[in-house]
């Protein structure tokens, strides 16, 4: 019997759904993958709030500058997927570095 090993990073569709849901909470209305953070009226306070919520949900560090530098929520999810897949966990502290 093969032991199940959970993936170290969330799959792309699930991560995109999480990013969209979190962005909807921050903006207070529906967003889609192609939406641009700035086009929706995003500013620094919203970027910090979105980054903080994503950090809590994904257990990885999310720099608010990443939100500023990605073109869409789909791009943001792609960058987060890469970060989650390559993050080094500090097992003693239970943190991702």
C-alpha atoms as a PDB file:
ATOM      1  CA  UNK A   1       0.000   0.000   0.000  1.00  0.00           C
ATOM      2  CA  UNK A   2       1.299   3.459  -0.915  1.00  0.00           C
ATOM      3  CA  UNK A   3       1.188   6.062   1.789  1.00  0.00           C
ATOM      4  CA  UNK A   4      -0.610   9.279   0.807  1.00  0.00           C
ATOM      5  CA  UNK A   5       1.639  12.316   0.866  1.00  0.00           C
ATOM      6  CA  UNK A   6      -0.198  15.619   0.662  1.00  0.00           C
ATOM      7  CA  UNK A   7       1.186  18.087  -1.862  1.00  0.00           C
ATOM      8  CA  UNK A   8       3.552  20.694  -0.472  1.00  0.00           C
ATOM      9  CA  UNK A   9       1.808  23.468  -2.394  1.00  0.00           C
ATOM     10  CA  UNK A  10      -1.842  24.029  -3.186  1.00  0.00           C
ATOM     11  CA  UNK A  11      -2.925  23.278  -6.731  1.00  0.00           C
ATOM     12  CA  UNK A  12      -3.310  26.190  -9.118  1.00  0.00           C
ATOM     13  CA  UNK A  13      -7.122  26.186  -9.330  1.00  0.00           C
ATOM     14  CA  UNK A  14      -7.583  25.978  -5.571  1.00  0.00           C
ATOM     15  CA  UNK A  15      -5.038  28.718  -5.004  1.00  0.00           C
ATOM     16  CA  UNK A  16      -6.670  31.003  -7.570  1.00  0.00           C
ATOM     17  CA  UNK A  17     -10.053  30.434  -5.903  1.00  0.00           C
ATOM     18  CA  UNK A  18      -8.524  31.327  -2.534  1.00  0.00           C
ATOM     19  CA  UNK A  19      -6.938  34.500  -3.929  1.00  0.00           C
ATOM     20  CA  UNK A  20     -10.234  35.548  -5.519  1.00  0.00           C
ATOM     21  CA  UNK A  21     -12.260  34.853  -2.377  1.00  0.00           C
ATOM     22  CA  UNK A  22      -9.769  36.782  -0.265  1.00  0.00           C
ATOM     23  CA  UNK A  23      -9.726  39.716  -2.703  1.00  0.00           C
ATOM     24  CA  UNK A  24     -13.543  39.765  -2.671  1.00  0.00           C
ATOM     25  CA  UNK A  25     -13.447  40.072   1.120  1.00  0.00           C
ATOM     26  CA  UNK A  26     -11.009  42.982   0.902  1.00  0.00           C
ATOM     27  CA  UNK A  27     -12.859  44.826  -1.881  1.00  0.00           C
ATOM     28  CA  UNK A  28     -16.374  43.948  -0.758  1.00  0.00           C
ATOM     29  CA  UNK A  29     -17.528  42.800  -4.189  1.00  0.00           C
ATOM     30  CA  UNK A  30     -16.971  40.058  -6.749  1.00  0.00           C
ATOM     31  CA  UNK A  31     -13.635  39.925  -8.563  1.00  0.00           C
ATOM     32  CA  UNK A  32     -12.449  37.700 -11.405  1.00  0.00           C
ATOM     33  CA  UNK A  33      -9.040  36.263 -12.232  1.00  0.00           C
ATOM     34  CA  UNK A  34      -8.292  38.827 -14.939  1.00  0.00           C
ATOM     35  CA  UNK A  35      -9.083  41.809 -12.694  1.00  0.00           C
ATOM     36  CA  UNK A  36      -6.251  44.178 -11.909  1.00  0.00           C
ATOM     37  CA  UNK A  37      -5.759  45.219  -8.284  1.00  0.00           C
ATOM     38  CA  UNK A  38      -5.330  48.908  -9.177  1.00  0.00           C
ATOM     39  CA  UNK A  39      -8.180  48.987 -11.684  1.00  0.00           C
ATOM     40  CA  UNK A  40     -10.479  47.909  -8.849  1.00  0.00           C
ATOM     41  CA  UNK A  41      -9.325  50.862  -6.755  1.00  0.00           C
ATOM     42  CA  UNK A  42      -6.665  48.999  -4.833  1.00  0.00           C
ATOM     43  CA  UNK A  43      -4.245  51.068  -2.774  1.00  0.00           C
ATOM     44  CA  UNK A  44      -1.590  50.444  -0.138  1.00  0.00           C
ATOM     45  CA  UNK A  45      -3.961  49.713   2.760  1.00  0.00           C
ATOM     46  CA  UNK A  46      -5.889  47.179   0.675  1.00  0.00           C
ATOM     47  CA  UNK A  47      -2.614  45.596  -0.494  1.00  0.00           C
ATOM     48  CA  UNK A  48      -1.441  45.137   3.093  1.00  0.00           C
ATOM     49  CA  UNK A  49      -4.820  43.715   4.098  1.00  0.00           C
ATOM     50  CA  UNK A  50      -4.842  41.296   1.156  1.00  0.00           C
ATOM     51  CA  UNK A  51      -1.247  40.234   1.830  1.00  0.00           C
ATOM     52  CA  UNK A  52      -1.958  39.681   5.527  1.00  0.00           C
ATOM     53  CA  UNK A  53      -5.053  37.577   4.867  1.00  0.00           C
ATOM     54  CA  UNK A  54      -3.234  35.493   2.250  1.00  0.00           C
ATOM     55  CA  UNK A  55      -0.320  34.939   4.644  1.00  0.00           C
ATOM     56  CA  UNK A  56      -2.704  33.661   7.305  1.00  0.00           C
ATOM     57  CA  UNK A  57      -4.451  31.308   4.906  1.00  0.00           C
ATOM     58  CA  UNK A  58      -1.415  30.020   3.028  1.00  0.00           C
ATOM     59  CA  UNK A  59       1.175  30.046   5.809  1.00  0.00           C
ATOM     60  CA  UNK A  60       3.729  31.737   3.554  1.00  0.00           C
ATOM     61  CA  UNK A  61       5.123  35.257   3.567  1.00  0.00           C
ATOM     62  CA  UNK A  62       3.293  37.522   1.122  1.00  0.00           C
ATOM     63  CA  UNK A  63       4.953  40.876   0.525  1.00  0.00           C
ATOM     64  CA  UNK A  64       2.437  43.586  -0.360  1.00  0.00           C
ATOM     65  CA  UNK A  65       4.838  44.704  -3.115  1.00  0.00           C
ATOM     66  CA  UNK A  66       4.023  41.450  -4.911  1.00  0.00           C
ATOM     67  CA  UNK A  67       0.402  42.572  -5.107  1.00  0.00           C
ATOM     68  CA  UNK A  68       1.512  45.896  -6.593  1.00  0.00           C
ATOM     69  CA  UNK A  69       3.773  44.207  -9.127  1.00  0.00           C
ATOM     70  CA  UNK A  70       1.388  41.588 -10.512  1.00  0.00           C
ATOM     71  CA  UNK A  71      -0.965  42.463 -13.329  1.00  0.00           C
ATOM     72  CA  UNK A  72      -3.965  40.403 -12.295  1.00  0.00           C
ATOM     73  CA  UNK A  73      -5.211  38.146  -9.550  1.00  0.00           C
ATOM     74  CA  UNK A  74      -4.353  35.201 -11.814  1.00  0.00           C
ATOM     75  CA  UNK A  75      -0.743  36.440 -11.964  1.00  0.00           C
ATOM     76  CA  UNK A  76      -0.724  36.890  -8.187  1.00  0.00           C
ATOM     77  CA  UNK A  77      -1.941  33.312  -7.698  1.00  0.00           C
ATOM     78  CA  UNK A  78       0.770  32.058 -10.073  1.00  0.00           C
ATOM     79  CA  UNK A  79       3.501  33.827  -8.086  1.00  0.00           C
ATOM     80  CA  UNK A  80       2.073  32.550  -4.804  1.00  0.00           C
ATOM     81  CA  UNK A  81       1.961  29.005  -6.170  1.00  0.00           C
ATOM     82  CA  UNK A  82       5.645  29.246  -7.021  1.00  0.00           C
ATOM     83  CA  UNK A  83       6.437  30.652  -3.577  1.00  0.00           C
ATOM     84  CA  UNK A  84       4.414  27.954  -1.807  1.00  0.00           C
ATOM     85  CA  UNK A  85       6.123  25.235  -3.809  1.00  0.00           C
ATOM     86  CA  UNK A  86       9.619  26.481  -3.081  1.00  0.00           C
ATOM     87  CA  UNK A  87       9.225  27.812   0.459  1.00  0.00           C
ATOM     88  CA  UNK A  88      11.546  26.430   3.095  1.00  0.00           C
ATOM     89  CA  UNK A  89       9.794  25.608   6.319  1.00  0.00           C
ATOM     90  CA  UNK A  90      11.484  26.063   9.667  1.00  0.00           C
ATOM     91  CA  UNK A  91      10.173  22.954  11.451  1.00  0.00           C
ATOM     92  CA  UNK A  92      11.209  24.187  14.894  1.00  0.00           C
ATOM     93  CA  UNK A  93       9.179  27.372  14.606  1.00  0.00           C
ATOM     94  CA  UNK A  94       6.482  26.046  12.285  1.00  0.00           C
ATOM     95  CA  UNK A  95       7.165  28.975   9.987  1.00  0.00           C
ATOM     96  CA  UNK A  96       7.786  29.383   6.306  1.00  0.00           C
ATOM     97  CA  UNK A  97      10.858  31.333   5.350  1.00  0.00           C
END
